[in-house]
């Protein structure tokens, strides 16, 4: 079953942005564009969306972790969606 890593998209000129909320759990089924995690920059809170439908296979980050563009946040089983 194909599993992809969901990564932080281009969030502007920010690095080491903290994860403030995880909105899904392993086993959850998500649709394309569903919010997965919330990040908080100096100016705003933003959600990282699901790139496509699937089932959350594994969380890679925890609340309080710092991420940047390209950081993997979770693994998504795209066949199970």
Protein backbone atom coordinates (compact mmCIF):
# COMPACT_ATOMS: atom_id res chain seq x y z
CA UNK A 1 0.00 0.00 0.00
CA UNK A 2 1.47 3.36 -1.00
CA UNK A 3 2.34 5.54 1.96
CA UNK A 4 3.49 9.11 1.41
CA UNK A 5 5.09 11.58 3.78
CA UNK A 6 3.10 14.78 4.18
CA UNK A 7 5.48 17.72 4.39
CA UNK A 8 5.12 21.33 5.44
CA UNK A 9 4.33 23.41 2.32
CA UNK A 10 5.88 26.79 1.56
CA UNK A 11 4.83 28.85 4.58
CA UNK A 12 6.72 31.99 3.67
CA UNK A 13 10.01 33.14 5.10
CA UNK A 14 9.78 31.17 8.33
CA UNK A 15 11.91 28.46 9.88
CA UNK A 16 11.48 26.59 13.14
CA UNK A 17 7.73 27.23 13.37
CA UNK A 18 6.15 25.44 16.36
CA UNK A 19 3.43 22.82 15.98
CA UNK A 20 0.58 24.08 18.19
CA UNK A 21 -2.10 21.47 17.50
CA UNK A 22 -2.40 18.04 15.89
CA UNK A 23 -5.86 17.68 14.37
CA UNK A 24 -5.74 13.99 13.37
CA UNK A 25 -4.75 10.66 14.91
CA UNK A 26 -3.34 7.47 13.38
CA UNK A 27 -6.18 5.57 11.75
CA UNK A 28 -8.19 8.69 10.89
CA UNK A 29 -9.45 8.94 7.31
CA UNK A 30 -8.94 12.37 5.72
CA UNK A 31 -9.99 14.01 2.48
CA UNK A 32 -7.87 16.22 0.26
CA UNK A 33 -7.35 19.65 1.86
CA UNK A 34 -8.50 18.51 5.34
CA UNK A 35 -6.36 20.25 8.00
CA UNK A 36 -3.83 17.91 9.62
CA UNK A 37 -1.77 20.07 11.99
CA UNK A 38 -1.68 23.73 13.02
CA UNK A 39 1.49 25.82 13.03
CA UNK A 40 1.98 29.20 14.66
CA UNK A 41 4.28 31.81 13.16
CA UNK A 42 4.94 35.28 14.53
CA UNK A 43 1.99 36.63 12.57
CA UNK A 44 -0.59 33.89 12.16
CA UNK A 45 -1.73 30.34 12.81
CA UNK A 46 -1.88 28.15 9.71
CA UNK A 47 -3.00 24.61 8.99
CA UNK A 48 -1.08 22.04 6.96
CA UNK A 49 -3.65 20.40 4.65
CA UNK A 50 -3.80 16.82 3.40
CA UNK A 51 -2.41 16.69 -0.15
CA UNK A 52 -4.91 13.95 -1.05
CA UNK A 53 -7.39 11.57 0.55
CA UNK A 54 -6.08 8.72 2.68
CA UNK A 55 -5.72 7.26 6.14
CA UNK A 56 -3.25 8.64 8.69
CA UNK A 57 -0.64 5.91 9.12
CA UNK A 58 1.79 7.57 11.52
CA UNK A 59 2.41 10.94 13.18
CA UNK A 60 5.99 12.16 12.86
CA UNK A 61 5.70 15.40 14.86
CA UNK A 62 4.32 16.27 18.29
CA UNK A 63 2.89 19.47 19.73
CA UNK A 64 5.81 21.76 20.51
CA UNK A 65 8.08 20.41 17.77
CA UNK A 66 9.53 23.04 15.44
CA UNK A 67 9.17 22.54 11.70
CA UNK A 68 10.17 24.35 8.51
CA UNK A 69 9.18 24.09 4.86
CA UNK A 70 9.77 20.52 3.71
CA UNK A 71 9.65 18.98 7.21
CA UNK A 72 7.73 15.69 7.28
CA UNK A 73 4.76 15.83 9.67
CA UNK A 74 2.97 12.51 9.14
CA UNK A 75 2.64 9.47 6.93
CA UNK A 76 -0.53 9.04 4.87
CA UNK A 77 -1.73 5.74 3.41
CA UNK A 78 -3.22 6.98 0.15
CA UNK A 79 -4.68 3.63 -0.89
CA UNK A 80 -6.81 3.32 2.24
CA UNK A 81 -8.56 6.64 1.72
